[in-house]
């Protein structure tokens, strides 16, 4: 039975089924060709499938514009943190144009080339700001980053050739000349290049408190503790060896060694305890507010820190002394943020807020900061307990007015900037992109990253629901970052998406 015969039989069966009063005709057709009715129905089913496939109207393919394709590409790159090869695979799976690795790379570079490396900010009037700056590295090449810490707005992310004075000088000048901002203070580490650039621009400088103190002295708490435990173990070993001695001469010698080990243990424990106390005392003196919420006196705290540093020198550890000498030079610029603390309290009072409420919220603000910084369990537990106590007290006292009061006071207190840790936060956000690109990063991508970060909404934390640009400008952002980006591109290059 040829294909033509099979088709003829199936077609006749199809005609029969589409007739009225066709009862019994299918059986007659099967008898005519001497085939079973089940085989006949199989042929009929195949014909119907063929007709459906051949003659049914094709579904119109969805036409996706170049703008939509590039938008998806940018979403995969920035939100999905996907590599170029991964983006290519996803786009090919969806049957999209421009899905080749080369095309994607070029489009991303083209987008980045249209964006500035310095964030321009337009305000109703000039705004004085504090900026935190630092370098992060891809291999040996530095990325110079400057951020407004209160909003986390990246002002510039620049792929630098080096960290020298001339490089930082140009970077700071570019940031300061962009938009309606004026840099009145910078918080950085003590790097020679960056400090020279700040000084050349006649900008007030605040030493980063973490790099100044904790980075230099904090590790010695653990080092001295380990030394003390090592001495304790050695003392126990010397004591154990006395028991195994056989002669009086050996017993006397081992007792002498044990006594020496015991004295050294006591000395190691004393050094550890003294250093830890003095280190913690210095850290406490750097708090702008006392434990009762009152503001500290800058001059008194500086004097107390100098006395504590002098006492640390008396412990006679040469390596620690080198660090102490460096810190002593920084003390005059170490507590400049006390001025911001004093200004913040004055502004709160001008808002008509009572002293009792100001004090209460400075304690909430302080313990909130402590909880964020705390790494060890005991310290975190204490900070959390203190924070919860003052929050509950404030809510009981203020009722429905708690949130508004908190926002008003925190808005002032958040101007107290002690460290450049916000740059580290930016580093943690940027680092996955660097890893996906195997550290092959360009200035064009940094331009894209900066735009994305400044206009994307935080999903958690105290900035939840806000974008850095919204916080900085105090203006509502009505569009998502991808819409703002495509609008910017079309304005800069009208034919980009054609």
Protein backbone atom coordinates (compact mmCIF):
# COMPACT_ATOMS: atom_id res chain seq x y z
CA UNK A 1 0.00 0.00 0.00
CA UNK A 2 1.74 3.12 -1.26
CA UNK A 3 1.69 6.57 0.39
CA UNK A 4 -0.65 7.80 -2.35
CA UNK A 5 -3.14 4.99 -1.62
CA UNK A 6 -2.92 5.64 2.11
CA UNK A 7 -3.58 9.35 1.48
CA UNK A 8 -6.54 8.55 -0.78
CA UNK A 9 -8.12 6.26 1.84
CA UNK A 10 -7.58 8.84 4.60
CA UNK A 11 -9.03 11.64 2.44
CA UNK A 12 -12.16 9.59 1.64
CA UNK A 13 -12.62 8.88 5.36
CA UNK A 14 -12.22 12.60 6.07
CA UNK A 15 -14.93 13.42 3.50
CA UNK A 16 -17.25 10.81 5.01
CA UNK A 17 -16.87 12.24 8.52
CA UNK A 18 -17.73 15.72 7.25
CA UNK A 19 -20.97 14.53 5.62
CA UNK A 20 -24.37 14.35 7.22
CA UNK A 21 -25.93 10.90 7.62
CA UNK A 22 -22.55 9.11 7.27
CA UNK A 23 -23.47 6.29 9.61
CA UNK A 24 -21.87 2.96 8.54
CA UNK A 25 -19.86 4.44 5.65
CA UNK A 26 -16.51 4.20 7.47
CA UNK A 27 -17.02 0.45 7.89
CA UNK A 28 -17.93 0.14 4.21
CA UNK A 29 -14.74 2.02 3.25
CA UNK A 30 -12.65 -0.33 5.38
CA UNK A 31 -14.25 -3.38 3.74
CA UNK A 32 -13.70 -1.87 0.30
CA UNK A 33 -9.93 -1.61 0.84
CA UNK A 34 -9.82 -4.77 2.95
CA UNK A 35 -8.29 -2.98 6.02
CA UNK A 36 -9.32 -2.85 9.67
CA UNK A 37 -11.32 0.10 10.95
CA UNK A 38 -8.64 0.80 13.58
CA UNK A 39 -6.01 1.20 10.81
CA UNK A 40 -8.41 3.43 8.91
CA UNK A 41 -8.85 5.69 11.94
CA UNK A 42 -5.05 5.86 12.33
CA UNK A 43 -4.76 7.13 8.74
CA UNK A 44 -7.52 9.65 9.40
CA UNK A 45 -5.78 10.91 12.56
CA UNK A 46 -2.52 11.40 10.64
CA UNK A 47 -4.33 13.38 7.94
CA UNK A 48 -5.99 15.65 10.50
CA UNK A 49 -2.60 16.33 12.12
CA UNK A 50 -1.11 17.15 8.72
CA UNK A 51 -3.98 19.49 7.85
CA UNK A 52 -3.74 21.23 11.20
CA UNK A 53 0.01 21.72 10.82
CA UNK A 54 -0.12 22.80 7.18
CA UNK A 55 -3.22 24.94 6.89
CA UNK A 56 -3.88 26.45 10.36
CA UNK A 57 -2.91 30.17 10.68
CA UNK A 58 0.61 30.52 12.12
CA UNK A 59 0.97 32.39 15.37
CA UNK A 60 2.45 35.80 14.63
CA UNK A 61 5.96 36.00 15.99
CA UNK A 62 6.39 38.61 18.68
CA UNK A 63 8.49 41.49 17.46
CA UNK A 64 10.89 42.69 20.19
CA UNK A 65 12.51 46.05 19.67
CA UNK A 66 16.23 46.66 20.00
CA UNK A 67 15.52 48.83 23.03
CA UNK A 68 13.73 45.96 24.80
CA UNK A 69 16.52 43.53 23.93
CA UNK A 70 19.22 45.86 25.27
CA UNK A 71 17.13 46.54 28.38
CA UNK A 72 16.98 42.80 29.07
CA UNK A 73 20.71 42.55 28.43
CA UNK A 74 21.38 45.31 30.99
CA UNK A 75 19.05 43.72 33.54
CA UNK A 76 20.86 40.39 33.22
CA UNK A 77 24.20 42.11 33.61
CA UNK A 78 23.45 44.46 36.49
CA UNK A 79 20.63 42.81 38.45
CA UNK A 80 21.51 39.21 37.56
CA UNK A 81 25.27 39.87 37.82
CA UNK A 82 25.67 37.49 34.87
CA UNK A 83 28.81 37.11 32.82
CA UNK A 84 28.70 38.00 29.13
CA UNK A 85 28.75 34.31 28.15
CA UNK A 86 25.80 33.57 30.47
CA UNK A 87 23.83 36.50 29.06
CA UNK A 88 24.53 35.17 25.55
CA UNK A 89 23.20 31.70 26.42
CA UNK A 90 20.01 33.09 27.99
CA UNK A 91 19.32 35.42 25.06
CA UNK A 92 19.92 32.65 22.52
CA UNK A 93 17.51 30.42 24.44
CA UNK A 94 14.87 33.16 24.13
CA UNK A 95 15.64 33.53 20.42
CA UNK A 96 16.70 37.18 20.73
CA UNK A 97 18.89 39.17 18.38
CA UNK A 98 22.30 40.57 19.37
CA UNK A 99 22.90 37.46 21.48
CA UNK A 100 26.47 36.83 20.38
CA UNK A 101 29.20 37.31 22.99
CA UNK A 102 30.89 39.93 20.83
CA UNK A 103 27.66 41.85 20.25
CA UNK A 104 26.78 41.90 23.95
CA UNK A 105 30.26 43.05 24.95
CA UNK A 106 30.21 45.85 22.40
CA UNK A 107 26.73 47.05 23.35
CA UNK A 108 27.65 47.15 27.06
CA UNK A 109 30.78 49.14 26.20
CA UNK A 110 28.76 51.52 24.02
CA UNK A 111 26.28 52.13 26.85
CA UNK A 112 29.10 52.76 29.33
CA UNK A 113 30.81 55.18 26.93
CA UNK A 114 27.70 57.40 26.95
CA UNK A 115 27.70 57.65 30.76
CA UNK A 116 29.96 60.00 32.76
CA UNK A 117 32.58 58.74 35.21
CA UNK A 118 31.62 61.51 37.64
CA UNK A 119 28.04 61.71 38.89
CA UNK A 120 26.50 65.08 38.10
CA UNK A 121 23.92 66.17 40.70
CA UNK A 122 21.47 69.00 40.06
CA UNK A 123 20.00 70.66 43.15
CA UNK A 124 17.97 73.78 43.88
CA UNK A 125 20.94 75.23 45.71
CA UNK A 126 24.57 74.30 46.32
CA UNK A 127 25.00 71.58 48.94
CA UNK A 128 27.98 71.20 51.26
CA UNK A 129 28.91 67.55 51.74
CA UNK A 130 31.35 65.21 53.44
CA UNK A 131 32.94 62.65 51.11
CA UNK A 132 34.58 59.33 51.96
CA UNK A 133 37.23 58.09 49.54
CA UNK A 134 39.46 55.06 49.21
CA UNK A 135 40.97 52.68 46.70
CA UNK A 136 39.86 49.16 45.89
CA UNK A 137 41.95 46.92 43.68
CA UNK A 138 41.60 44.64 40.67
CA UNK A 139 44.93 42.88 40.72
CA UNK A 140 47.42 45.72 41.12
CA UNK A 141 45.32 48.41 39.44
CA UNK A 142 43.42 50.75 41.76
CA UNK A 143 39.85 51.96 41.40
CA UNK A 144 39.47 55.36 43.07
CA UNK A 145 36.04 55.64 44.68
CA UNK A 146 34.40 58.66 46.31
CA UNK A 147 31.02 58.30 48.04
CA UNK A 148 28.61 60.54 49.91
CA UNK A 149 28.20 58.24 52.94
CA UNK A 150 24.78 59.28 54.22
CA UNK A 151 23.02 58.39 50.95
CA UNK A 152 25.70 55.96 49.64
CA UNK A 153 25.68 57.93 46.36
CA UNK A 154 28.80 57.14 44.32
CA UNK A 155 30.21 60.45 43.14
CA UNK A 156 32.97 58.87 41.09
CA UNK A 157 34.38 55.41 40.39
CA UNK A 158 37.55 55.89 38.41
CA UNK A 159 39.95 53.31 37.06
CA UNK A 160 43.24 54.89 38.12
CA UNK A 161 46.72 54.44 36.71
CA UNK A 162 48.22 54.80 40.19
CA UNK A 163 47.54 56.23 43.68
CA UNK A 164 49.87 59.21 43.48
CA UNK A 165 49.08 62.79 44.43
CA UNK A 166 48.44 64.00 40.88
CA UNK A 167 45.92 61.19 40.25
CA UNK A 168 43.97 61.85 43.46
CA UNK A 169 44.19 65.63 42.95
CA UNK A 170 42.49 65.34 39.55
CA UNK A 171 39.90 62.88 40.95
CA UNK A 172 38.92 65.20 43.82
CA UNK A 173 38.78 68.25 41.54
CA UNK A 174 36.48 66.39 39.11
CA UNK A 175 34.13 65.32 41.91
CA UNK A 176 34.03 68.83 43.38
CA UNK A 177 33.30 70.48 40.05
CA UNK A 178 30.38 68.20 39.16
CA UNK A 179 26.88 69.48 39.84
CA UNK A 180 25.69 71.64 42.70
CA UNK A 181 27.94 70.21 45.43
CA UNK A 182 30.84 71.52 47.46
CA UNK A 183 33.19 69.16 49.30
CA UNK A 184 33.87 70.67 52.72
CA UNK A 185 35.35 67.57 54.36
CA UNK A 186 36.85 64.22 53.37
CA UNK A 187 37.27 61.09 55.47
CA UNK A 188 40.07 58.79 54.30
CA UNK A 189 42.97 56.68 55.49
CA UNK A 190 46.44 58.21 55.74
CA UNK A 191 47.59 57.33 52.22
CA UNK A 192 50.21 59.82 51.04
CA UNK A 193 48.66 60.39 47.60
CA UNK A 194 45.09 60.94 48.73
CA UNK A 195 46.06 63.15 51.68
CA UNK A 196 48.26 65.31 49.45
CA UNK A 197 45.39 65.70 46.99
CA UNK A 198 43.00 66.74 49.78
CA UNK A 199 45.49 69.24 51.18
CA UNK A 200 46.09 70.73 47.73
CA UNK A 201 42.33 71.33 47.39
CA UNK A 202 42.21 73.00 50.83
CA UNK A 203 39.56 70.55 52.06
CA UNK A 204 39.14 69.69 55.75
CA UNK A 205 40.42 66.17 56.46
CA UNK A 206 39.17 63.59 58.93
CA UNK A 207 41.36 60.58 59.66
CA UNK A 208 39.50 57.30 59.23
CA UNK A 209 39.06 56.09 62.82
CA UNK A 210 39.12 52.40 61.84
CA UNK A 211 42.43 52.65 59.96
CA UNK A 212 43.83 54.96 62.63
CA UNK A 213 43.09 52.85 65.72
CA UNK A 214 41.33 49.52 65.24
CA UNK A 215 43.38 48.48 62.20
CA UNK A 216 46.64 49.27 64.00
CA UNK A 217 45.94 48.12 67.57
CA UNK A 218 42.89 45.85 67.39
CA UNK A 219 44.79 42.76 66.24
CA UNK A 220 47.14 43.00 69.24
CA UNK A 221 44.30 42.08 71.61
CA UNK A 222 44.21 38.61 70.02
CA UNK A 223 48.00 38.38 69.68
CA UNK A 224 48.61 39.13 73.37
CA UNK A 225 45.80 36.80 74.42
CA UNK A 226 47.36 33.93 72.47
CA UNK A 227 50.73 34.68 74.05
CA UNK A 228 49.20 34.56 77.52
CA UNK A 229 47.58 31.17 76.84
CA UNK A 230 50.85 29.88 75.43
CA UNK A 231 52.60 30.91 78.66
CA UNK A 232 49.88 29.23 80.74
CA UNK A 233 50.34 25.96 78.84
CA UNK A 234 54.11 26.18 79.28
CA UNK A 235 53.67 26.78 83.01
CA UNK A 236 51.47 23.65 83.32
CA UNK A 237 54.06 21.64 81.40
CA UNK A 238 56.86 22.81 83.75
CA UNK A 239 54.72 21.85 86.74
CA UNK A 240 54.01 18.41 85.29
CA UNK A 241 57.72 17.73 84.77
CA UNK A 242 58.45 18.22 88.50
CA UNK A 243 56.43 15.11 89.31
CA UNK A 244 58.55 12.90 87.01
CA UNK A 245 61.89 14.05 88.52
CA UNK A 246 63.84 11.34 90.44
CA UNK A 247 66.65 13.19 92.23
CA UNK A 248 66.52 16.23 94.46
CA UNK A 249 68.89 18.09 92.15
CA UNK A 250 66.57 17.57 89.17
CA UNK A 251 63.54 18.44 91.33
CA UNK A 252 65.14 21.73 92.41
CA UNK A 253 66.09 22.61 88.83
CA UNK A 254 62.62 21.89 87.53
CA UNK A 255 61.02 23.86 90.36
CA UNK A 256 63.20 26.78 89.38
CA UNK A 257 62.11 26.45 85.72
CA UNK A 258 58.49 26.20 86.84
CA UNK A 259 58.77 29.37 88.91
CA UNK A 260 60.30 31.21 85.96
CA UNK A 261 57.47 30.00 83.70
CA UNK A 262 54.91 31.06 86.33
CA UNK A 263 56.37 34.57 86.54
CA UNK A 264 56.36 34.91 82.76
CA UNK A 265 52.75 33.73 82.66
CA UNK A 266 51.72 36.37 85.18
CA UNK A 267 53.61 38.98 83.18
CA UNK A 268 51.93 37.91 79.88
CA UNK A 269 48.47 37.95 81.49
CA UNK A 270 49.10 41.38 83.00
CA UNK A 271 50.29 42.81 79.66
CA UNK A 272 47.25 41.36 77.87
CA UNK A 273 44.79 42.70 80.45
CA UNK A 274 46.43 46.14 80.63
CA UNK A 275 46.60 46.50 76.86
CA UNK A 276 43.01 45.33 76.36
CA UNK A 277 41.75 47.77 78.98
CA UNK A 278 43.68 50.70 77.46
CA UNK A 279 42.64 49.79 73.90
CA UNK A 280 38.98 49.60 74.90
CA UNK A 281 39.35 52.87 76.80
CA UNK A 282 40.62 54.58 73.62
CA UNK A 283 37.73 53.13 71.60
CA UNK A 284 35.26 54.47 74.18
CA UNK A 285 36.88 57.91 74.08
CA UNK A 286 36.23 57.98 70.33
CA UNK A 287 32.48 57.69 70.92
CA UNK A 288 30.96 61.17 70.36
CA UNK A 289 28.39 60.45 73.09
CA UNK A 290 28.75 59.14 76.64
CA UNK A 291 26.80 56.08 77.78
CA UNK A 292 24.16 58.46 79.20
CA UNK A 293 23.63 60.09 75.79
CA UNK A 294 25.44 63.36 76.55
CA UNK A 295 28.02 64.66 74.08
CA UNK A 296 31.72 64.28 74.86
CA UNK A 297 34.21 67.12 74.97
CA UNK A 298 36.66 66.81 72.07
CA UNK A 299 39.66 68.27 73.90
CA UNK A 300 39.19 66.05 76.95
CA UNK A 301 38.88 62.93 74.78
CA UNK A 302 42.05 63.83 72.86
CA UNK A 303 43.96 64.26 76.12
CA UNK A 304 42.63 60.98 77.49
CA UNK A 305 43.64 59.14 74.31
CA UNK A 306 47.17 60.56 74.51
CA UNK A 307 47.50 59.43 78.14
CA UNK A 308 46.27 55.92 77.24
CA UNK A 309 48.77 55.74 74.35
CA UNK A 310 51.58 56.74 76.70
CA UNK A 311 50.55 53.98 79.10
CA UNK A 312 50.55 51.45 76.25
CA UNK A 313 54.16 52.45 75.56
CA UNK A 314 55.02 51.51 79.15
CA UNK A 315 54.20 47.89 78.28
CA UNK A 316 57.46 47.96 76.30
CA UNK A 317 56.49 46.11 73.14
CA UNK A 318 58.54 47.50 70.26
CA UNK A 319 56.09 46.53 67.50
CA UNK A 320 53.14 48.05 69.36
CA UNK A 321 55.20 51.17 70.10
CA UNK A 322 55.72 51.73 66.37
CA UNK A 323 51.94 51.75 65.87
CA UNK A 324 51.40 54.01 68.89
CA UNK A 325 53.88 56.56 67.52
CA UNK A 326 51.93 56.67 64.24
CA UNK A 327 48.62 57.10 66.08
CA UNK A 328 49.95 59.96 68.22
CA UNK A 329 50.58 61.96 65.03
CA UNK A 330 46.96 61.42 63.95
CA UNK A 331 45.23 62.40 67.19
CA UNK A 332 44.86 66.11 66.24
CA UNK A 333 42.70 65.06 63.25
CA UNK A 334 41.18 61.96 64.81
CA UNK A 335 38.11 63.43 66.50
CA UNK A 336 37.05 66.13 64.04
CA UNK A 337 33.66 64.43 63.75
CA UNK A 338 32.90 65.63 67.30
CA UNK A 339 32.20 68.99 65.63
CA UNK A 340 29.49 67.35 63.46
CA UNK A 341 28.04 65.72 66.59
CA UNK A 342 27.82 69.09 68.32
CA UNK A 343 26.24 70.67 65.22
CA UNK A 344 23.72 67.81 64.94
CA UNK A 345 22.54 68.35 68.53
CA UNK A 346 22.19 72.10 67.96
CA UNK A 347 20.10 71.54 64.83
CA UNK A 348 17.85 69.10 66.70
CA UNK A 349 17.26 71.74 69.35
CA UNK A 350 16.44 74.31 66.67
CA UNK A 351 13.77 71.92 65.39
CA UNK A 352 12.09 72.31 68.76
CA UNK A 353 12.90 68.81 69.99
CA UNK A 354 13.17 68.46 73.77
CA UNK A 355 16.56 67.65 75.32
CA UNK A 356 15.24 64.42 76.84
CA UNK A 357 14.16 63.07 73.46
CA UNK A 358 17.41 64.13 71.81
CA UNK A 359 19.38 62.26 74.48
CA UNK A 360 17.17 59.19 74.15
CA UNK A 361 17.61 58.99 70.38
CA UNK A 362 21.37 59.58 70.54
CA UNK A 363 21.50 56.41 72.65
CA UNK A 364 19.38 54.52 70.11
CA UNK A 365 21.62 55.84 67.33
CA UNK A 366 24.78 54.87 69.23
CA UNK A 367 23.70 51.30 70.03
CA UNK A 368 22.39 50.80 66.50
CA UNK A 369 25.88 51.64 65.25
CA UNK A 370 27.43 49.33 67.84
CA UNK A 371 25.22 46.44 66.74
CA UNK A 372 26.25 46.92 63.11
CA UNK A 373 29.96 47.01 63.96
CA UNK A 374 29.96 44.19 66.55
CA UNK A 375 31.46 40.91 65.34
CA UNK A 376 31.72 38.86 68.53
CA UNK A 377 28.60 37.30 70.03
CA UNK A 378 28.86 38.86 73.49
CA UNK A 379 29.33 42.35 72.09
CA UNK A 380 26.42 41.90 69.68
CA UNK A 381 24.16 40.60 72.44
CA UNK A 382 24.93 43.57 74.67
CA UNK A 383 24.38 46.05 71.81
CA UNK A 384 21.09 44.39 70.84
CA UNK A 385 19.81 44.37 74.43
CA UNK A 386 20.70 48.04 74.96
CA UNK A 387 19.20 49.04 71.61
CA UNK A 388 15.93 47.17 72.26
CA UNK A 389 15.65 48.70 75.76
CA UNK A 390 15.91 52.30 74.51
CA UNK A 391 13.66 51.66 71.50
CA UNK A 392 10.91 50.25 73.74
CA UNK A 393 11.31 53.16 76.12
CA UNK A 394 11.05 55.67 73.25
CA UNK A 395 7.98 53.96 71.78
CA UNK A 396 6.24 53.95 75.17
CA UNK A 397 7.04 57.64 75.65
CA UNK A 398 6.21 58.92 72.14
CA UNK A 399 3.62 56.46 70.85
CA UNK A 400 2.71 57.22 67.23
CA UNK A 401 5.25 60.05 67.11
CA UNK A 402 8.19 57.65 67.53
CA UNK A 403 8.98 57.11 63.85
CA UNK A 404 8.76 60.76 62.85
CA UNK A 405 10.93 61.83 65.81
CA UNK A 406 13.49 59.14 64.99
CA UNK A 407 13.71 60.20 61.34
CA UNK A 408 14.19 63.87 62.25
CA UNK A 409 16.95 63.21 64.80
CA UNK A 410 18.70 60.44 62.83
CA UNK A 411 18.74 62.71 59.78
CA UNK A 412 21.04 64.99 61.77
CA UNK A 413 23.06 62.33 63.59
CA UNK A 414 23.85 60.47 60.35
CA UNK A 415 26.00 63.46 59.37
CA UNK A 416 28.56 62.24 61.92
CA UNK A 417 31.06 60.36 59.74
CA UNK A 418 33.90 58.56 61.52
CA UNK A 419 35.25 56.19 58.87
CA UNK A 420 35.37 55.47 55.13
CA UNK A 421 33.67 52.09 55.60
CA UNK A 422 30.99 53.02 53.02
CA UNK A 423 33.64 52.46 50.35
CA UNK A 424 34.02 48.89 51.66
CA UNK A 425 30.25 48.47 51.28
CA UNK A 426 30.51 49.60 47.67
CA UNK A 427 33.40 47.20 47.20
CA UNK A 428 31.23 44.30 48.41
CA UNK A 429 28.57 45.24 45.81
CA UNK A 430 31.09 45.73 42.98
CA UNK A 431 33.24 42.68 43.72
CA UNK A 432 30.91 40.01 42.18
CA UNK A 433 31.01 41.90 38.85
CA UNK A 434 34.81 42.00 39.02
CA UNK A 435 34.93 38.27 39.73
CA UNK A 436 32.57 37.44 36.82
CA UNK A 437 34.71 39.49 34.46
CA UNK A 438 37.89 37.85 35.78
CA UNK A 439 39.08 41.33 36.78
CA UNK A 440 39.01 42.49 33.13
CA UNK A 441 37.20 45.72 34.00
CA UNK A 442 36.95 48.97 32.04
CA UNK A 443 36.06 52.54 32.90
CA UNK A 444 32.98 52.17 30.71
CA UNK A 445 31.66 49.37 32.90
CA UNK A 446 32.39 51.40 36.06
CA UNK A 447 30.29 54.22 34.56
CA UNK A 448 27.42 51.75 34.08
CA UNK A 449 27.83 50.32 37.57
CA UNK A 450 27.77 53.79 39.13
CA UNK A 451 24.56 54.72 37.28
CA UNK A 452 22.91 51.44 38.30
CA UNK A 453 23.90 51.75 41.96
CA UNK A 454 22.87 55.39 42.28
CA UNK A 455 19.40 54.82 40.82
CA UNK A 456 18.46 51.34 42.04
CA UNK A 457 16.26 50.80 45.09
CA UNK A 458 17.57 49.20 48.25
CA UNK A 459 15.69 46.04 49.17
CA UNK A 460 16.68 45.98 52.86
CA UNK A 461 18.36 47.99 55.61
CA UNK A 462 17.74 51.53 56.77
CA UNK A 463 17.64 52.77 53.15
CA UNK A 464 15.00 50.19 52.14
CA UNK A 465 12.71 51.38 49.35
CA UNK A 466 14.93 54.37 48.52
CA UNK A 467 17.59 54.98 45.90
CA UNK A 468 20.88 56.72 46.75
CA UNK A 469 19.92 59.58 44.41
CA UNK A 470 16.55 60.01 46.14
CA UNK A 471 18.18 60.19 49.56
CA UNK A 472 20.83 62.64 48.41
CA UNK A 473 18.54 65.01 46.49
CA UNK A 474 15.43 64.49 48.64
CA UNK A 475 13.45 64.16 45.41
CA UNK A 476 11.21 61.22 44.53
CA UNK A 477 12.44 58.99 41.72
CA UNK A 478 9.37 57.98 39.70
CA UNK A 479 11.08 55.67 37.20
CA UNK A 480 13.10 52.51 37.63
CA UNK A 481 16.83 52.70 36.95
CA UNK A 482 16.55 50.87 33.60
CA UNK A 483 13.98 53.39 32.31
CA UNK A 484 16.15 56.29 33.46
CA UNK A 485 19.14 54.72 31.74
CA UNK A 486 17.40 54.18 28.40
CA UNK A 487 15.97 57.72 28.58
CA UNK A 488 19.48 59.07 29.20
CA UNK A 489 20.90 57.07 26.28
CA UNK A 490 18.18 58.24 23.87
CA UNK A 491 18.75 61.83 24.89
CA UNK A 492 22.53 61.50 24.43
CA UNK A 493 22.38 59.33 21.28
CA UNK A 494 18.89 59.46 19.65
CA UNK A 495 19.66 56.69 17.13
CA UNK A 496 21.16 54.24 19.63
CA UNK A 497 18.13 51.92 19.72
CA UNK A 498 17.35 52.10 15.98
